[in-house]
Protein backbone atom coordinates (compact mmCIF):
# COMPACT_ATOMS: atom_id res chain seq x y z
CA MET A 1 0.06 -0.04 0.05
CA SER A 2 1.32 3.31 -0.83
CA ALA A 3 1.50 6.04 1.74
CA ASP A 4 0.86 8.82 -0.70
CA ILE A 5 -1.37 11.62 0.68
CA ALA A 6 -3.98 13.68 -1.40
CA THR A 7 -6.42 16.39 -0.42
CA GLN A 8 -10.24 16.10 -0.56
CA VAL A 9 -12.34 19.29 -1.04
CA GLY A 10 -14.76 20.59 1.84
CA ASP A 11 -13.65 18.12 4.47
CA TRP A 12 -16.23 15.69 3.46
CA LEU A 13 -13.67 13.05 3.13
CA PRO A 14 -10.20 12.68 4.90
CA THR A 15 -7.22 14.08 3.07
CA ASP A 16 -5.29 10.91 3.94
CA GLN A 17 -6.10 8.34 1.28
CA VAL A 18 -4.47 5.82 3.47
CA TYR A 19 -7.08 6.61 6.10
CA LEU A 20 -9.76 6.16 3.36
CA ALA A 21 -8.24 2.91 2.28
CA ARG A 22 -8.18 1.55 5.71
CA TRP A 23 -11.93 2.55 6.38
CA LEU A 24 -12.95 0.77 3.31
CA ASP A 25 -10.99 -2.45 4.38
CA ASP A 26 -12.74 -2.08 7.64
CA LEU A 27 -16.04 -2.03 5.99
CA ILE A 28 -15.03 -4.94 3.51
CA GLY A 29 -14.04 -6.95 6.53
CA GLU A 30 -17.62 -6.27 8.30
CA VAL A 31 -19.47 -7.40 4.94
CA GLY A 32 -17.29 -10.29 4.64
CA GLU A 33 -14.34 -10.96 2.09
CA LYS A 34 -16.42 -13.52 0.21
CA SER A 35 -18.42 -10.73 -1.21
CA ALA A 36 -15.45 -9.70 -3.03
CA ALA A 37 -15.84 -12.64 -5.19
CA PRO A 38 -17.08 -11.89 -8.82
CA GLY A 39 -20.56 -13.11 -9.27
CA LEU A 40 -21.13 -14.35 -5.55
CA GLN A 41 -23.79 -12.60 -3.78
CA THR A 42 -23.69 -13.52 0.03
CA ARG A 43 -25.93 -10.78 1.37
CA GLU A 44 -29.71 -10.10 0.97
CA LEU A 45 -29.80 -6.93 -0.71
CA ALA A 46 -32.18 -4.04 0.42
CA ASP A 47 -35.19 -3.91 -2.17
CA PRO A 48 -33.87 -0.82 -3.98
CA LEU A 49 -30.42 -2.56 -4.53
CA THR A 50 -32.31 -5.74 -5.55
CA VAL A 51 -34.16 -3.62 -8.29
CA PHE A 52 -30.93 -1.88 -9.25
CA ARG A 53 -29.26 -5.18 -9.52
CA GLU A 54 -31.85 -6.58 -11.80
CA PHE A 55 -31.80 -3.38 -13.93
CA VAL A 56 -27.97 -3.79 -14.59
CA TYR A 57 -28.30 -7.35 -15.54
CA ALA A 58 -31.23 -6.67 -17.74
CA ASN A 59 -29.60 -3.90 -19.78
CA PRO A 60 -26.42 -5.29 -21.66
CA GLU A 61 -25.05 -1.89 -22.39
CA VAL A 62 -25.20 -1.00 -18.74
CA TYR A 63 -24.14 -4.46 -17.66
CA VAL A 64 -21.11 -4.13 -19.78
CA LEU A 65 -20.19 -0.54 -18.33
CA PHE A 66 -20.56 -2.06 -14.53
CA THR A 67 -18.27 -5.08 -15.29
CA ASP A 68 -15.64 -3.12 -17.47
CA MET A 69 -15.35 -0.24 -14.84
CA PHE A 70 -13.80 -2.98 -12.38
CA GLU A 71 -12.04 -4.52 -15.11
CA GLN A 72 -10.48 -1.21 -16.04
CA LEU A 73 -9.86 -0.59 -12.35
CA SER A 74 -7.81 -3.92 -12.11
CA GLN A 75 -5.26 -2.63 -14.29
CA LYS A 76 -4.80 0.87 -12.55
CA VAL A 77 -2.62 1.75 -9.58
CA THR A 78 -4.78 3.93 -7.31
CA PRO A 79 -3.08 6.32 -4.85
CA THR A 80 -3.35 3.49 -2.12
CA GLY A 81 -1.81 0.85 -4.77
CA TYR A 82 -4.66 -1.63 -5.37
CA PRO A 83 -8.34 -1.41 -6.07
CA GLN A 84 -10.15 -2.70 -3.16
CA VAL A 85 -13.74 -3.03 -4.65
CA LYS A 86 -13.48 -6.12 -6.79
CA SER A 87 -16.57 -6.55 -8.83
CA PHE A 88 -20.32 -5.11 -9.37
CA GLU A 89 -21.50 -7.71 -6.83
CA HIS A 90 -18.96 -6.60 -4.21
CA MET A 91 -20.19 -2.99 -4.62
CA LEU A 92 -23.64 -3.77 -3.88
CA GLN A 93 -22.79 -5.56 -0.82
CA LEU A 94 -21.07 -3.00 0.44
CA LEU A 95 -23.72 -0.28 -0.34
CA ASP A 96 -26.11 -2.40 1.33
CA LYS A 97 -24.18 -2.37 4.45
CA VAL A 98 -24.05 1.65 4.20
CA LEU A 99 -27.73 2.10 3.82
CA THR A 100 -28.28 1.22 7.50
CA THR A 101 -25.43 3.72 8.83
CA VAL A 102 -24.92 7.40 9.39
CA PRO A 103 -21.72 9.05 8.15
CA GLU A 104 -19.07 8.85 10.98
CA TYR A 105 -17.42 11.68 12.74
CA ASP A 106 -13.84 10.99 13.62
CA THR A 107 -11.15 13.51 14.53
CA SER A 108 -8.66 11.29 12.57
CA GLY A 109 -10.93 11.68 9.51
CA LEU A 110 -14.54 12.44 8.74
CA VAL A 111 -16.14 9.88 6.09
CA GLY A 112 -18.86 12.11 4.92
CA PHE A 113 -19.53 10.45 1.62
CA PRO A 114 -19.41 6.86 2.37
CA ILE A 115 -20.96 5.70 -1.06
CA ASN A 116 -18.45 7.83 -2.59
CA VAL A 117 -15.70 5.96 -1.11
CA ILE A 118 -17.16 2.67 -2.28
CA LEU A 119 -17.23 3.98 -5.89
CA ASN A 120 -14.20 6.35 -5.75
CA TRP A 121 -11.94 4.92 -8.14
CA ALA A 122 -14.41 2.74 -10.12
CA MET A 123 -16.46 5.71 -11.38
CA GLY A 124 -12.99 7.44 -12.46
CA THR A 125 -12.48 4.76 -15.24
CA ARG A 126 -13.70 5.29 -18.71
CA ALA A 127 -16.40 2.77 -18.10
CA GLY A 128 -17.20 4.28 -14.79
CA PHE A 129 -17.42 7.57 -16.30
CA ALA A 130 -19.96 6.44 -18.86
CA ALA A 131 -22.10 4.56 -16.21
CA PHE A 132 -22.51 7.17 -13.83
CA LEU A 133 -23.50 9.86 -16.44
CA ASN A 134 -26.30 7.51 -17.91
CA LYS A 135 -29.68 8.92 -17.06
CA ASP A 136 -31.32 5.54 -16.73
CA VAL A 137 -28.54 4.55 -14.18
CA ASN A 138 -29.19 7.68 -12.16
CA GLN A 139 -32.90 7.15 -12.29
CA GLN A 140 -32.32 3.69 -10.86
CA LEU A 141 -29.74 5.19 -8.18
CA LYS A 142 -32.23 7.54 -6.95
CA PRO A 143 -34.48 5.15 -5.10
CA VAL A 144 -31.22 3.43 -3.41
CA LEU A 145 -30.40 6.98 -2.09
CA ASP A 146 -34.03 7.63 -1.22
CA HIS A 147 -33.83 4.45 0.82
CA TRP A 148 -30.73 5.63 2.65
CA ALA A 149 -32.27 9.03 3.29
CA GLU A 150 -35.53 7.21 4.75
CA TYR A 151 -33.18 5.81 7.48
CA LEU A 152 -31.29 8.85 8.05
CA ARG A 153 -34.40 10.85 8.80
CA SER A 154 -35.87 8.16 10.95
CA LYS A 155 -35.66 7.57 14.87
CA ASP A 156 -33.45 4.70 14.11
CA SER A 157 -30.66 6.71 12.99
CA GLN A 158 -30.69 8.61 16.37
CA GLU A 159 -28.68 6.13 18.31
CA SER A 160 -26.23 5.81 15.32
CA MET A 161 -25.73 9.38 15.07
CA LYS A 162 -24.73 9.43 18.66
CA ALA A 163 -22.48 6.34 18.34
CA GLY A 164 -20.94 7.82 15.29
CA GLY A 165 -19.44 10.64 17.48
CA TRP A 166 -21.55 13.38 16.25
CA LEU A 167 -22.57 14.45 19.65
CA SER A 168 -19.03 14.09 21.42
CA ASP A 169 -17.34 17.06 22.90
CA GLU A 170 -14.70 17.05 19.90
CA ALA A 171 -17.38 17.27 17.23
CA LEU A 172 -19.73 19.87 19.04
CA ASN A 173 -16.49 21.86 19.32
CA ALA A 174 -15.62 21.64 15.86
CA MET A 175 -19.08 22.88 14.96
CA SER A 176 -19.07 26.06 17.17
CA ASP A 177 -17.82 29.40 16.05
CA HIS A 178 -14.29 30.11 16.88
CA ASN A 179 -12.32 33.21 16.71
CA SER A 180 -9.03 34.07 14.75
CA GLU A 181 -6.80 32.22 17.33
CA GLY A 182 -8.82 29.07 17.29
CA GLU A 183 -10.59 29.35 20.52
CA VAL A 184 -14.41 28.92 20.83
CA GLU A 185 -16.30 32.10 20.54
CA THR A 186 -19.75 30.71 20.39
CA PRO A 187 -20.64 27.22 21.66
CA PHE A 188 -22.52 24.72 19.59
CA VAL A 189 -25.57 24.89 22.23
CA ASP A 190 -25.54 28.39 21.95
CA LEU A 191 -25.24 28.90 18.30
CA PHE A 192 -27.74 26.18 17.30
CA ASP A 193 -31.48 25.49 18.13
CA CYS A 194 -31.17 22.38 20.49
CA ASP A 195 -31.64 20.98 23.88
CA GLN A 196 -28.33 20.36 25.68
CA HIS A 197 -30.23 18.50 28.53
CA ASP A 198 -31.46 15.85 26.25
CA PRO A 199 -29.00 12.96 25.36
CA TYR A 200 -29.50 13.57 21.54
CA TYR A 201 -29.67 17.25 22.08
CA GLY A 202 -33.11 17.42 20.84
CA PHE A 203 -32.44 15.85 17.22
CA ASP A 204 -34.59 13.00 16.63
CA SER A 205 -32.61 11.82 13.64
CA TRP A 206 -29.42 12.20 11.81
CA ASN A 207 -31.22 14.62 9.39
CA SER A 208 -32.93 16.69 11.67
CA PHE A 209 -29.37 17.17 13.15
CA PHE A 210 -27.70 17.97 9.98
CA THR A 211 -30.42 20.43 8.94
CA ARG A 212 -30.20 22.24 12.44
CA SER A 213 -31.14 25.71 12.57
CA LEU A 214 -29.35 28.89 14.07
CA LYS A 215 -30.63 29.59 17.41
CA ASP A 216 -30.43 33.59 17.14
CA PRO A 217 -29.31 34.25 13.29
CA ASP A 218 -29.79 38.04 13.85
CA ARG A 219 -27.08 37.90 16.67
CA HIS A 220 -24.70 35.17 15.32
CA ARG A 221 -24.96 35.61 11.62
CA PRO A 222 -26.24 39.20 11.10
CA ILE A 223 -27.25 40.45 7.74
CA ALA A 224 -24.52 42.67 6.19
CA GLU A 225 -25.81 46.31 5.55
CA GLU A 226 -29.34 45.11 6.00
CA ASP A 227 -30.72 48.48 4.65
CA ASP A 228 -28.20 48.83 1.73
CA ASP A 229 -29.68 47.22 -1.48
CA ASP A 230 -26.30 47.49 -3.06
CA VAL A 231 -24.72 44.89 -0.62
CA ILE A 232 -25.30 41.31 -1.66
CA VAL A 233 -24.82 38.79 1.29
CA SER A 234 -23.58 35.36 1.11
CA ALA A 235 -26.37 32.79 0.65
CA CYS A 236 -24.76 29.69 2.26
CA GLU A 237 -21.83 29.26 4.80
CA VAL A 238 -19.18 28.64 2.41
CA SER A 239 -15.71 28.63 1.00
CA PRO A 240 -15.05 30.35 -2.13
CA TYR A 241 -14.45 28.03 -5.18
CA ARG A 242 -14.27 30.18 -8.35
CA LEU A 243 -15.36 33.57 -9.56
CA SER A 244 -15.73 33.94 -13.49
CA ARG A 245 -16.67 36.72 -15.22
CA CYS A 246 -17.80 37.06 -19.10
CA VAL A 247 -19.38 33.59 -18.98
CA GLU A 248 -20.27 31.95 -22.28
CA LEU A 249 -23.54 30.63 -22.88
CA TYR A 250 -22.02 27.46 -24.34
CA ASP A 251 -18.66 26.31 -23.62
CA HIS A 252 -16.65 23.25 -23.08
CA PHE A 253 -15.94 21.84 -19.43
CA SER A 254 -14.05 18.62 -19.99
CA VAL A 255 -10.68 19.91 -18.98
CA LYS A 256 -9.17 20.79 -15.57
CA GLY A 257 -10.09 24.19 -14.60
CA GLN A 258 -13.14 23.87 -16.81
CA PRO A 259 -15.10 27.23 -17.71
CA TYR A 260 -18.89 27.45 -16.91
CA SER A 261 -21.34 26.85 -19.56
CA LEU A 262 -24.51 28.85 -18.58
CA ALA A 263 -26.91 26.74 -20.87
CA HIS A 264 -25.92 23.65 -19.00
CA LEU A 265 -25.55 24.98 -15.54
CA LEU A 266 -28.94 26.64 -15.72
CA ASP A 267 -30.51 23.73 -18.05
CA THR A 268 -31.89 26.43 -20.28
CA ALA A 269 -33.20 23.61 -22.60
CA HIS A 270 -36.02 22.83 -19.82
CA LYS A 271 -36.40 26.49 -18.69
CA SER A 272 -39.87 27.57 -17.57
CA GLN A 273 -41.68 30.38 -19.17
CA ASP A 274 -41.27 32.60 -16.18
CA GLU A 275 -37.28 32.20 -16.30
CA PRO A 276 -35.28 34.96 -18.19
CA ASP A 277 -34.36 34.35 -21.79
CA ASP A 278 -31.39 32.30 -22.87
CA GLU A 279 -29.30 35.20 -23.45
CA TYR A 280 -30.14 37.05 -20.30
CA PHE A 281 -27.24 35.77 -18.38
CA LYS A 282 -24.74 35.72 -21.52
CA HIS A 283 -21.33 37.07 -20.61
CA GLY A 284 -22.46 37.62 -17.11
CA THR A 285 -20.68 36.79 -13.76
CA VAL A 286 -20.67 33.31 -12.07
CA TYR A 287 -19.71 32.93 -8.27
CA GLN A 288 -19.41 29.35 -6.65
CA GLY A 289 -18.76 28.36 -2.98
CA PHE A 290 -18.77 24.93 -1.55
CA LEU A 291 -20.09 23.86 1.65
CA LYS A 292 -17.84 21.91 4.21
CA ALA A 293 -19.18 19.01 6.15
CA LEU A 294 -19.48 20.70 9.41
CA ASN A 295 -20.99 23.93 8.25
CA TYR A 296 -24.60 25.04 8.49
CA HIS A 297 -26.50 23.79 5.46
CA GLN A 298 -29.56 26.13 5.01
CA TRP A 299 -29.57 28.57 2.17
CA HIS A 300 -30.78 32.47 2.45
CA SER A 301 -31.69 35.18 -0.01
CA PRO A 302 -28.86 37.37 -1.10
CA VAL A 303 -30.76 40.34 -1.83
CA ASN A 304 -34.19 41.80 -1.20
CA GLY A 305 -36.65 40.85 -3.96
CA LYS A 306 -39.29 38.77 -5.65
CA VAL A 307 -38.98 35.08 -6.77
CA VAL A 308 -39.94 34.79 -10.26
CA ALA A 309 -39.13 31.25 -11.00
CA CYS A 310 -38.03 27.86 -9.04
CA ARG A 311 -37.09 24.43 -10.82
CA LYS A 312 -35.50 21.19 -9.66
CA ILE A 313 -33.21 19.50 -11.98
CA PRO A 314 -32.70 15.94 -11.91
CA GLY A 315 -28.82 15.20 -12.56
CA SER A 316 -25.88 12.55 -12.12
CA TYR A 317 -25.11 11.63 -8.63
CA TYR A 318 -21.39 10.05 -9.13
CA SER A 319 -20.01 11.83 -12.12
CA GLU A 320 -16.54 13.38 -12.33
CA THR A 321 -14.89 15.23 -14.79
CA PRO A 322 -13.13 13.02 -17.42
CA ALA A 323 -10.03 14.92 -16.91
CA THR A 324 -9.56 13.82 -13.49
CA LEU A 325 -9.87 10.13 -13.88
CA CYS A 326 -8.39 8.29 -10.89
CA ASP A 327 -7.18 11.70 -9.49
CA PRO A 328 -7.22 11.80 -5.75
CA ALA A 329 -8.18 15.53 -6.24
CA ALA A 330 -11.21 14.78 -8.48
CA PRO A 331 -13.79 16.09 -6.10
CA ASP A 332 -11.88 19.42 -5.61
CA ILE A 333 -11.35 19.71 -9.62
CA SER A 334 -14.83 18.41 -10.39
CA GLN A 335 -16.88 21.13 -8.43
CA GLY A 336 -17.21 23.44 -11.71
CA TYR A 337 -17.92 20.20 -13.61
CA ILE A 338 -20.77 18.89 -11.20
CA ALA A 339 -22.51 22.22 -11.53
CA HIS A 340 -23.54 21.43 -15.06
CA VAL A 341 -24.69 17.83 -14.37
CA ALA A 342 -25.60 17.12 -10.59
CA THR A 343 -28.93 17.19 -9.37
CA ARG A 344 -29.80 20.94 -8.50
CA ALA A 345 -32.22 23.42 -7.84
CA LEU A 346 -32.57 26.88 -9.20
CA ILE A 347 -34.22 29.88 -7.62
CA PHE A 348 -34.63 33.20 -9.85
CA ILE A 349 -34.91 36.51 -7.79
CA GLU A 350 -35.94 39.62 -9.32
CA ALA A 351 -33.78 42.03 -6.97
CA ALA A 352 -35.35 45.33 -5.58
CA ASN A 353 -32.48 46.96 -6.73
CA GLU A 354 -32.66 47.65 -10.41
CA LYS A 355 -29.03 47.45 -10.94
CA ILE A 356 -28.83 43.85 -10.21
CA GLY A 357 -32.04 42.71 -12.18
CA THR A 358 -32.84 39.17 -11.78
CA LEU A 359 -30.32 36.79 -10.43
CA CYS A 360 -30.08 33.02 -10.05
CA PHE A 361 -29.35 31.03 -6.90
CA VAL A 362 -28.26 27.60 -7.89
CA ALA A 363 -28.12 25.09 -5.07
CA ILE A 364 -26.03 22.01 -6.28
CA GLY A 365 -26.00 18.50 -4.76
CA MET A 366 -22.98 16.17 -4.89
CA ALA A 367 -22.68 12.39 -4.74
CA GLU A 368 -25.41 10.95 -2.20
CA VAL A 369 -26.00 14.48 -0.93
CA SER A 370 -28.53 15.40 -3.71
CA SER A 371 -31.79 16.45 -1.90
CA CYS A 372 -32.48 20.13 -2.56
CA ASN A 373 -35.52 21.26 -0.53
CA LEU A 374 -37.02 24.81 -1.55
CA ALA A 375 -38.73 26.84 1.33
CA VAL A 376 -39.97 29.49 -1.31
CA LYS A 377 -42.05 29.45 -4.46
CA PRO A 378 -42.65 31.65 -7.44
CA GLY A 379 -44.43 35.07 -6.26
CA ASP A 380 -42.96 34.97 -2.82
CA SER A 381 -41.30 38.27 -1.86
CA VAL A 382 -38.03 37.75 0.00
CA THR A 383 -36.00 39.89 2.25
CA LYS A 384 -32.11 39.73 2.29
CA GLY A 385 -31.00 37.14 4.61
CA GLN A 386 -34.48 35.14 4.47
CA LYS A 387 -34.19 31.44 4.21
CA LEU A 388 -34.49 29.95 0.69
CA GLY A 389 -34.20 26.20 1.51
CA GLU A 390 -31.75 23.75 2.67
CA PHE A 391 -29.65 20.80 1.72
CA GLN A 392 -30.66 17.55 3.43
CA TYR A 393 -28.60 14.58 4.35
CA GLY A 394 -25.47 16.71 3.89
CA GLY A 395 -24.38 19.60 1.33
CA SER A 396 -22.37 20.47 -1.72
CA SER A 397 -22.12 23.72 -3.50
CA HIS A 398 -23.91 26.75 -4.75
CA CYS A 399 -23.72 29.15 -7.56
CA LEU A 400 -24.93 32.83 -7.80
CA VAL A 401 -25.29 34.01 -11.53
CA PHE A 402 -25.65 37.70 -12.54
CA ASN A 403 -26.40 39.24 -15.76
CA PRO A 404 -23.52 40.94 -17.62
CA ASP A 405 -24.87 44.59 -16.69
CA VAL A 406 -24.10 43.94 -13.04
CA ASP A 407 -20.88 45.41 -12.08
CA LEU A 408 -19.75 43.59 -8.69
CA THR A 409 -16.72 44.00 -6.50
CA PHE A 410 -16.52 40.99 -4.45
CA VAL A 411 -14.86 40.85 -1.05
CA PRO A 412 -11.04 40.10 -1.15
CA GLU A 413 -11.58 36.35 -0.23
CA VAL A 414 -13.58 35.93 -3.33
CA GLU A 415 -11.46 38.11 -5.48
CA GLU A 416 -8.48 36.45 -4.59
CA ILE A 417 -9.29 32.97 -3.63
CA ASP A 418 -6.41 31.04 -1.38
CA ARG A 419 -7.04 27.29 -2.60
CA ASP A 420 -4.44 26.08 -0.07
CA HIS A 421 -6.35 27.87 2.98
CA PRO A 422 -9.80 28.41 1.81
CA ALA A 423 -11.65 31.18 3.81
CA THR A 424 -15.14 30.62 5.18
CA ILE A 425 -17.86 33.37 4.26
CA ARG A 426 -20.57 33.22 7.02
CA VAL A 427 -24.00 33.15 5.69
CA ARG A 428 -25.63 36.41 5.48
CA ALA A 429 -22.28 38.33 5.54
CA GLU A 430 -21.12 40.50 2.99
CA LEU A 431 -20.37 38.83 -0.30
CA ALA A 432 -20.21 41.83 -3.01
CA THR A 433 -21.04 45.31 -3.60
CA VAL A 434 -23.12 46.33 -6.65
CA GLU A 435 -21.17 49.36 -8.36
CA GLN A 436 -22.43 52.21 -10.49
CA ARG A 437 -21.39 51.71 -14.06
CA VAL A 438 -20.04 54.61 -15.97
CA ALA A 439 -22.06 55.00 -19.11
CA ASN A 440 -20.40 53.15 -22.23
CA GLU A 441 -17.85 51.63 -19.86
CA PRO A 442 -16.76 48.22 -21.25
CA ARG A 443 -18.10 45.16 -19.47
CA PRO A 444 -15.42 43.32 -17.57
CA THR A 445 -13.61 40.15 -19.30
CA ARG A 446 -12.57 36.93 -18.22
């Protein structure tokens, strides 16, 4: 086994690939080594996995992809030196085990995407890329993920949440607010709506814990310049990922550092009549930030205005950009790519500030974290900092899309993103300021 170390984005998975390999080895040991034998089914599968298995075997093209991905994987050297998941049947056995567990909190390494770990290197093969981008495959995967979600929102997950370390002093400390010296500034019990006298802190399931609300948002997450419509606030508690100006309507996104393609990001081929015309955002600005595993996972309006359209887009769950096949940093590099293909939700807001016009908030699900729940509907008036919705069972990433006539100056953490030490911009804090463009002033370029 190689001792190479690679980084992962958002702290959803440990930075140490060796730790991940050991975690997967332990899971394989719990399921049983016999399950690794090709074609051997040793564990009765959950109903959705049984249906998925039957679907794969009944469709020759899909069956070839799922068999070839493990054949191709066996010929590659992964960062840990060897492929641990041996076959499609082995994959199913491991997935079945995960469906009755919660993600584990561990100070040595947080495994927030356990299914992603199982599929990690297989989905990075040529066959894996094709399989997990296939619409029929994703339709069949949805009931599997829904089955896991049902467990995560059930009372059965309550004890697993506690046993998994999420209510330990270490975990609660990590989810508290800290000052610049790393000292606790606001403890978890003061920051979030919970009951510290209850063994489960008042959370009746893993999901109720993960979608926890702020206890006093006006105190701990005050709205920046609440009465100034020229100030746009952060819609999520995020680390900045990318800022792109003069974005094309159509562009390729199959290489590292891939540009945004607005038509794909906003799925304009299926837009509703209430959404802006295709050309409205052309040459506009896209800002993207990603949520870390321990972040607060609700979304808030970046401006005062009115919701003119909302839409959910079904997409892929386990697709990474082909430029990163078997690259240990694929989740990081793929953040821009998944904005175009992942399950996501769009909220179009006509801002009260005429200099902003209509903007689009894009909630982006990633991997097993693909449930985007809306708290608003078309016609609703929203105030800056008001809740728009939330990720359930985790969180991923989001974008704000502005039309080209909006002249924006973002905060320094966005204008000069530090990829090695990403800053965290708190929800409802200042994100950008709208400037008054001088007549005939040229629009910004990339």
